[in-house]
Amino acid sequence: TASDQELRVHARAAMRGGQWEAAARDFELLADRPTVNGAPPRWFVSDWWTIGPYPPNLEVPFGPEHDSDPFGPTENLRTPKGLRREWRPAEESSTGYLNLAPVVKGAEFVSAYAFRRIYSAKKQTVAFLFGADDMSRIWLNGNLIHENLAARPAVPDDDVVMATLEPGWNRLLVKVVNQKQQHRFVLRLSDDPFTIARALQQSDRWDESIRHLDEAIVRNPEDAMLRVNRVRVAVEIGDQDLVDRCLHAALELSPDPIAGEQLQFYCQMLMAGADAAGDVFEDAFTTSQRPSPELLALRFRRNTLNGRWAEAADDALQLIELD
């Protein structure tokens, strides 16, 4: 019987040669085997292939949108001017970024595509956590699942896209239009509810984060920090009754009474909008032996919203030291 490592090596070699069925057989075996944490893997990804450059038009479909098979014919991949294009293998950086500059030879005001396959052991809904520099589109199995028209840097987890993986192979295609300088993106999959909730909160999608956060709490009912984060969401959406209920649940689980007082003052300050409450909150921080990372993050957000950049920088440094 082949070991897990042998199956993975064989599957990766098969994928690099376009032998998808052979790789799928290896993944089927791996999907039945528990990992270190006891759960079998839920999906497997191939390497990336990239192709470009194409004109910088996000809405205009070019060849890769019609034929994204890196091992298929290349005739349909030509540019509008008839220039030949071919898929090339590419690797992510150690931080998860895929740099598209090499395939376009560093050109600006162009677009490029990236393609990979995802093998799913079953039908399942996952989050695609994504950030791109600049404008971008994502297709899953030929269906457009995401579009962002902003010219921006590539920030991890900037966009959260919920989509369904079908059993077996799924085709993922990404298009990124570059204006100037960096031309790259970062993308990862997750089905962890707290990870998804935090990513949604990062883009101020508070209402959408509630369901995922509640699912995380059901899975880990004794985790006080999940309850604290739930209070934060309730504050952001302005639901006083929900704040009171979540705060009560968080305080019941919190082993640190000072942290509990800090959280209480923070909620009062945000809901009432009173400067005096903010002063009391600061006093609570001063007397605390060691503020929790979650509460420091809350104060960091308040300081940035109020334009208190020096104070926010101090909070950020403390968070880094606690990391």
Protein backbone atom coordinates (compact mmCIF):
# COMPACT_ATOMS: atom_id res chain seq x y z
CA THR A 1 0.00 0.00 0.00
CA ALA A 2 1.37 3.40 -1.01
CA SER A 3 2.01 5.93 1.75
CA ASP A 4 0.32 9.33 1.83
CA GLN A 5 3.52 10.98 0.64
CA GLU A 6 3.88 8.56 -2.26
CA LEU A 7 0.29 9.15 -3.33
CA ARG A 8 0.76 12.91 -3.22
CA VAL A 9 3.98 12.77 -5.24
CA HIS A 10 2.38 10.50 -7.82
CA ALA A 11 -0.71 12.72 -8.04
CA ARG A 12 1.35 15.88 -8.49
CA ALA A 13 3.40 14.27 -11.26
CA ALA A 14 0.18 13.12 -12.95
CA MET A 15 -1.35 16.62 -12.77
CA ARG A 16 1.75 18.21 -14.24
CA GLY A 17 1.32 15.89 -17.22
CA GLY A 18 -2.40 16.54 -17.55
CA GLN A 19 -3.31 13.02 -16.37
CA TRP A 20 -6.29 14.14 -14.33
CA GLU A 21 -7.96 10.76 -13.89
CA ALA A 22 -4.77 9.19 -12.55
CA ALA A 23 -4.40 12.05 -10.05
CA ALA A 24 -8.06 11.71 -9.08
CA ARG A 25 -7.56 8.04 -8.17
CA ASP A 26 -4.73 9.03 -5.81
CA PHE A 27 -6.84 11.76 -4.24
CA GLU A 28 -9.75 9.36 -3.75
CA LEU A 29 -7.46 7.15 -1.68
CA LEU A 30 -6.12 10.13 0.30
CA ALA A 31 -9.64 11.43 0.97
CA ASP A 32 -10.40 8.21 2.88
CA ARG A 33 -7.36 8.55 5.15
CA PRO A 34 -7.36 10.71 8.31
CA THR A 35 -4.72 13.42 8.67
CA VAL A 36 -2.85 14.45 11.81
CA ASN A 37 -5.91 16.24 13.21
CA GLY A 38 -8.08 13.19 12.54
CA ALA A 39 -10.09 14.55 9.61
CA PRO A 40 -9.45 13.49 5.99
CA PRO A 41 -8.49 16.20 3.47
CA ARG A 42 -11.53 17.89 1.93
CA TRP A 43 -9.93 19.12 -1.30
CA PHE A 44 -6.67 19.05 -3.25
CA VAL A 45 -5.30 21.69 -5.61
CA SER A 46 -3.09 21.47 -8.67
CA ASP A 47 -0.27 23.84 -9.52
CA TRP A 48 -1.05 27.11 -11.28
CA TRP A 49 -0.70 27.80 -14.99
CA THR A 50 -0.56 31.37 -16.31
CA ILE A 51 -1.01 32.94 -19.73
CA GLY A 52 -0.72 36.45 -21.19
CA PRO A 53 -0.45 39.23 -21.96
CA TYR A 54 -3.86 40.21 -23.30
CA PRO A 55 -5.42 43.68 -23.65
CA PRO A 56 -6.42 45.37 -20.35
CA ASN A 57 -10.17 44.83 -20.78
CA LEU A 58 -11.82 43.01 -17.89
CA GLU A 59 -15.21 42.64 -19.57
CA VAL A 60 -13.91 41.47 -22.97
CA PRO A 61 -13.55 37.66 -23.13
CA PHE A 62 -10.29 36.35 -24.54
CA GLY A 63 -9.22 32.84 -25.47
CA PRO A 64 -8.60 31.40 -21.97
CA GLU A 65 -12.21 32.11 -21.03
CA HIS A 66 -13.34 29.76 -23.80
CA ASP A 67 -10.64 27.10 -23.40
CA SER A 68 -8.75 26.97 -20.10
CA ASP A 69 -7.15 23.55 -20.59
CA PRO A 70 -3.35 24.02 -20.32
CA PHE A 71 -2.92 20.81 -22.31
CA GLY A 72 -5.42 21.60 -25.05
CA PRO A 73 -4.94 23.25 -28.46
CA THR A 74 -3.41 26.72 -28.43
CA GLU A 75 -5.06 28.12 -31.54
CA ASN A 76 -7.97 29.58 -29.54
CA LEU A 77 -5.57 31.29 -27.15
CA ARG A 78 -4.30 33.91 -29.61
CA THR A 79 -4.69 37.62 -28.86
CA PRO A 80 -7.07 39.80 -30.91
CA LYS A 81 -4.07 40.70 -33.06
CA GLY A 82 -3.32 37.04 -33.68
CA LEU A 83 -0.29 36.77 -31.40
CA ARG A 84 0.30 33.24 -30.14
CA ARG A 85 -0.06 32.55 -26.42
CA GLU A 86 0.66 29.41 -24.37
CA TRP A 87 -0.01 28.33 -20.81
CA ARG A 88 3.05 28.26 -18.56
CA PRO A 89 3.43 26.68 -15.10
CA ALA A 90 3.82 29.12 -12.20
CA GLU A 91 4.44 28.85 -8.48
CA GLU A 92 3.07 30.81 -5.56
CA SER A 93 5.45 32.66 -3.27
CA SER A 94 5.99 31.51 0.31
CA THR A 95 3.30 34.02 1.35
CA GLY A 96 0.75 32.69 -1.13
CA TYR A 97 1.01 35.34 -3.86
CA LEU A 98 0.98 34.41 -7.53
CA ASN A 99 3.02 36.90 -9.52
CA LEU A 100 1.71 37.45 -13.06
CA ALA A 101 4.47 39.87 -14.06
CA PRO A 102 6.75 37.15 -15.52
CA VAL A 103 4.14 35.88 -17.98
CA VAL A 104 3.52 39.43 -19.29
CA LYS A 105 7.24 40.34 -19.07
CA GLY A 106 6.55 43.14 -16.63
CA ALA A 107 4.24 45.01 -18.99
CA GLU A 108 1.70 47.48 -17.61
CA PHE A 109 -1.88 48.08 -18.75
CA VAL A 110 -2.35 44.45 -19.71
CA SER A 111 -4.31 41.46 -18.42
CA ALA A 112 -3.30 37.88 -17.67
CA TYR A 113 -5.00 34.66 -16.62
CA ALA A 114 -4.21 31.96 -14.09
CA PHE A 115 -5.74 28.49 -14.01
CA ARG A 116 -5.75 25.58 -11.60
CA ARG A 117 -7.85 22.52 -10.88
CA ILE A 118 -9.36 21.66 -7.49
CA TYR A 119 -10.29 18.10 -6.63
CA SER A 120 -13.14 17.87 -4.12
CA ALA A 121 -13.96 14.69 -2.24
CA LYS A 122 -17.64 15.71 -2.14
CA LYS A 123 -20.03 18.52 -2.98
CA GLN A 124 -19.27 21.29 -0.51
CA THR A 125 -19.51 25.05 -0.04
CA VAL A 126 -16.23 26.84 0.62
CA ALA A 127 -14.95 30.39 0.79
CA PHE A 128 -12.53 31.72 -1.78
CA LEU A 129 -10.48 34.33 0.13
CA PHE A 130 -8.96 36.60 -2.48
CA GLY A 131 -7.05 39.80 -3.12
CA ALA A 132 -5.73 41.12 -6.44
CA ASP A 133 -3.75 43.97 -7.95
CA ASP A 134 -5.69 45.37 -9.84
CA MET A 135 -9.16 44.61 -11.36
CA SER A 136 -10.18 40.96 -11.38
CA ARG A 137 -12.66 38.24 -12.22
CA ILE A 138 -12.96 34.64 -11.02
CA TRP A 139 -14.74 31.75 -12.73
CA LEU A 140 -15.48 28.34 -11.20
CA ASN A 141 -16.41 25.60 -13.65
CA GLY A 142 -17.08 28.22 -16.30
CA ASN A 143 -19.39 30.32 -14.11
CA LEU A 144 -18.42 33.87 -13.12
CA ILE A 145 -18.45 33.91 -9.31
CA HIS A 146 -16.66 37.18 -8.55
CA GLU A 147 -15.73 40.55 -10.04
CA ASN A 148 -13.90 43.50 -8.51
CA LEU A 149 -13.44 46.67 -10.55
CA ALA A 150 -11.17 48.47 -8.07
CA ALA A 151 -7.57 49.42 -8.80
CA ARG A 152 -5.96 48.31 -5.55
CA PRO A 153 -3.06 46.44 -3.96
CA ALA A 154 -3.39 42.70 -3.45
CA VAL A 155 -4.42 42.26 0.19
CA PRO A 156 -4.99 38.73 1.51
CA ASP A 157 -8.65 37.91 2.25
CA ASP A 158 -9.79 41.28 0.85
CA ASP A 159 -12.69 39.60 -0.97
CA VAL A 160 -14.75 36.70 0.34
CA VAL A 161 -16.55 34.62 -2.29
CA MET A 162 -18.77 31.71 -1.25
CA ALA A 163 -19.04 29.02 -3.94
CA THR A 164 -19.77 25.31 -4.28
CA LEU A 165 -17.19 22.71 -5.25
CA GLU A 166 -18.64 19.75 -7.16
CA PRO A 167 -17.44 16.19 -6.49
CA GLY A 168 -14.32 15.43 -8.52
CA TRP A 169 -12.45 18.02 -10.55
CA ASN A 170 -13.35 21.73 -10.51
CA ARG A 171 -11.86 24.31 -12.87
CA LEU A 172 -10.76 27.65 -11.41
CA LEU A 173 -9.86 30.57 -13.69
CA VAL A 174 -8.65 33.98 -12.51
CA LYS A 175 -8.22 37.09 -14.67
CA VAL A 176 -6.31 40.12 -13.38
CA VAL A 177 -5.95 43.42 -15.21
CA ASN A 178 -2.85 45.38 -14.27
CA GLN A 179 -2.61 49.14 -14.51
CA LYS A 180 0.79 49.97 -13.06
CA GLN A 181 3.49 48.33 -10.97
CA GLN A 182 2.59 45.04 -9.28
CA HIS A 183 0.53 42.45 -11.15
CA ARG A 184 -0.40 39.64 -8.78
CA PHE A 185 -3.07 38.04 -6.63
CA VAL A 186 -3.44 35.88 -3.52
CA LEU A 187 -6.13 33.22 -3.17
CA ARG A 188 -6.88 30.49 -0.65
CA LEU A 189 -9.81 28.23 0.19
CA SER A 190 -11.33 27.81 3.62
CA ASP A 191 -14.32 26.12 5.20
CA ASP A 192 -13.47 27.26 8.74
CA PRO A 193 -16.41 29.42 9.90
CA PHE A 194 -14.36 31.76 12.10
CA THR A 195 -11.81 32.37 9.34
CA ILE A 196 -14.65 33.20 6.96
CA ALA A 197 -16.33 35.45 9.54
CA ARG A 198 -13.15 37.44 10.18
CA ALA A 199 -12.52 37.86 6.46
CA LEU A 200 -16.07 39.16 5.97
CA GLN A 201 -15.57 41.60 8.85
CA GLN A 202 -12.37 42.85 7.21
CA SER A 203 -14.50 44.20 4.34
CA ASP A 204 -17.24 45.46 6.73
CA ARG A 205 -19.70 42.73 5.74
CA TRP A 206 -20.89 42.43 9.34
CA ASP A 207 -24.37 41.02 8.70
CA GLU A 208 -22.96 38.26 6.52
CA SER A 209 -20.36 37.33 9.12
CA ILE A 210 -22.96 36.55 11.79
CA ARG A 211 -24.00 33.16 10.40
CA HIS A 212 -20.42 31.94 10.11
CA LEU A 213 -19.50 33.26 13.55
CA ASP A 214 -22.50 31.54 15.09
CA GLU A 215 -21.44 28.30 13.43
CA ALA A 216 -17.96 28.71 14.95
CA ILE A 217 -19.49 29.23 18.39
CA VAL A 218 -21.59 26.07 18.03
CA ARG A 219 -18.41 24.13 17.23
CA ASN A 220 -16.45 25.72 20.11
CA PRO A 221 -18.98 26.88 22.74
CA GLU A 222 -16.32 27.39 25.43
CA ASP A 223 -14.15 29.76 23.36
CA ALA A 224 -14.54 33.17 25.05
CA MET A 225 -12.83 35.05 22.22
CA LEU A 226 -15.49 33.87 19.76
CA ARG A 227 -18.08 35.42 22.07
CA VAL A 228 -16.08 38.64 22.26
CA ASN A 229 -15.95 38.79 18.47
CA ARG A 230 -19.72 38.22 18.41
CA VAL A 231 -20.14 41.28 20.63
CA ARG A 232 -18.06 43.30 18.18
CA VAL A 233 -20.35 42.29 15.30
CA ALA A 234 -23.44 43.20 17.34
CA VAL A 235 -21.94 46.63 18.08
CA GLU A 236 -21.09 47.23 14.43
CA ILE A 237 -24.64 46.47 13.24
CA GLY A 238 -26.14 48.57 16.07
CA ASP A 239 -28.22 45.87 17.73
CA GLN A 240 -28.33 46.80 21.44
CA ASP A 241 -30.31 43.72 22.52
CA LEU A 242 -27.85 41.48 20.71
CA VAL A 243 -24.94 43.35 22.31
CA ASP A 244 -26.38 42.72 25.77
CA ARG A 245 -26.97 39.01 25.12
CA CYS A 246 -23.54 38.45 23.52
CA LEU A 247 -21.80 40.47 26.21
CA HIS A 248 -23.47 38.43 28.93
CA ALA A 249 -22.37 35.18 27.26
CA ALA A 250 -18.81 36.48 26.79
CA LEU A 251 -18.48 37.64 30.39
CA GLU A 252 -19.67 34.27 31.67
CA LEU A 253 -16.79 32.59 29.85
CA SER A 254 -14.12 35.24 30.44
CA PRO A 255 -11.64 34.25 33.19
CA ASP A 256 -10.29 37.82 33.39
CA PRO A 257 -12.60 40.33 35.16
CA ILE A 258 -10.53 43.29 34.00
CA ALA A 259 -10.88 42.18 30.38
CA GLY A 260 -14.61 41.85 31.00
CA GLU A 261 -14.80 45.43 32.27
CA GLN A 262 -12.82 46.66 29.26
CA LEU A 263 -15.24 44.95 26.93
CA GLN A 264 -18.23 46.38 28.74
CA PHE A 265 -16.89 49.93 28.56
CA TYR A 266 -16.04 49.49 24.89
CA CYS A 267 -19.60 48.42 24.06
CA GLN A 268 -21.07 51.30 26.06
CA MET A 269 -18.81 53.77 24.31
CA LEU A 270 -19.66 52.60 20.79
CA MET A 271 -23.38 52.24 21.33
CA ALA A 272 -23.74 55.60 23.13
CA GLY A 273 -21.11 57.46 21.11
CA ALA A 274 -19.96 59.21 24.29
CA ASP A 275 -16.41 60.57 24.68
CA ALA A 276 -16.62 60.10 28.44
CA ALA A 277 -17.16 56.37 28.00
CA GLY A 278 -14.05 56.32 25.84
CA ASP A 279 -12.05 57.92 28.67
CA VAL A 280 -13.26 55.28 31.09
CA PHE A 281 -12.34 52.62 28.58
CA GLU A 282 -8.81 54.05 28.37
CA ASP A 283 -8.57 54.01 32.18
CA ALA A 284 -9.51 50.34 32.16
CA PHE A 285 -6.71 49.64 29.71
CA THR A 286 -4.24 51.55 31.88
CA THR A 287 -5.08 49.52 34.97
CA SER A 288 -5.13 46.19 33.14
CA GLN A 289 -2.17 43.91 33.63
CA ARG A 290 -2.34 42.53 30.10
CA PRO A 291 -5.10 43.49 27.63
CA SER A 292 -6.15 40.62 25.38
CA PRO A 293 -5.28 40.71 21.63
CA GLU A 294 -8.97 40.85 20.74
CA LEU A 295 -9.55 43.93 22.90
CA LEU A 296 -6.41 45.62 21.57
CA ALA A 297 -7.74 45.01 18.07
CA LEU A 298 -11.04 46.62 19.06
CA ARG A 299 -9.26 49.71 20.40
CA PHE A 300 -7.09 49.82 17.26
CA ARG A 301 -10.26 49.93 15.15
CA ARG A 302 -11.75 52.72 17.28
CA ASN A 303 -8.59 54.79 17.03
CA THR A 304 -8.38 54.41 13.24
CA LEU A 305 -12.07 55.34 12.86
CA ASN A 306 -11.42 58.48 14.92
CA GLY A 307 -8.25 59.36 13.01
CA ARG A 308 -6.01 58.84 16.04
CA TRP A 309 -3.17 57.37 14.03
CA ALA A 310 -0.41 57.58 16.66
CA GLU A 311 -2.55 55.73 19.19
CA ALA A 312 -3.55 53.19 16.55
CA ALA A 313 0.13 52.62 15.76
CA ASP A 314 0.82 51.92 19.45
CA ASP A 315 -2.02 49.40 19.49
CA ALA A 316 -0.64 47.73 16.36
CA LEU A 317 2.82 47.42 17.94
CA GLN A 318 1.33 45.82 21.04
CA LEU A 319 -0.59 43.35 18.88
CA ILE A 320 2.60 42.43 17.03
CA GLU A 321 4.40 41.84 20.33
CA LEU A 322 1.58 39.59 21.53
CA ASP A 323 1.51 37.59 18.26
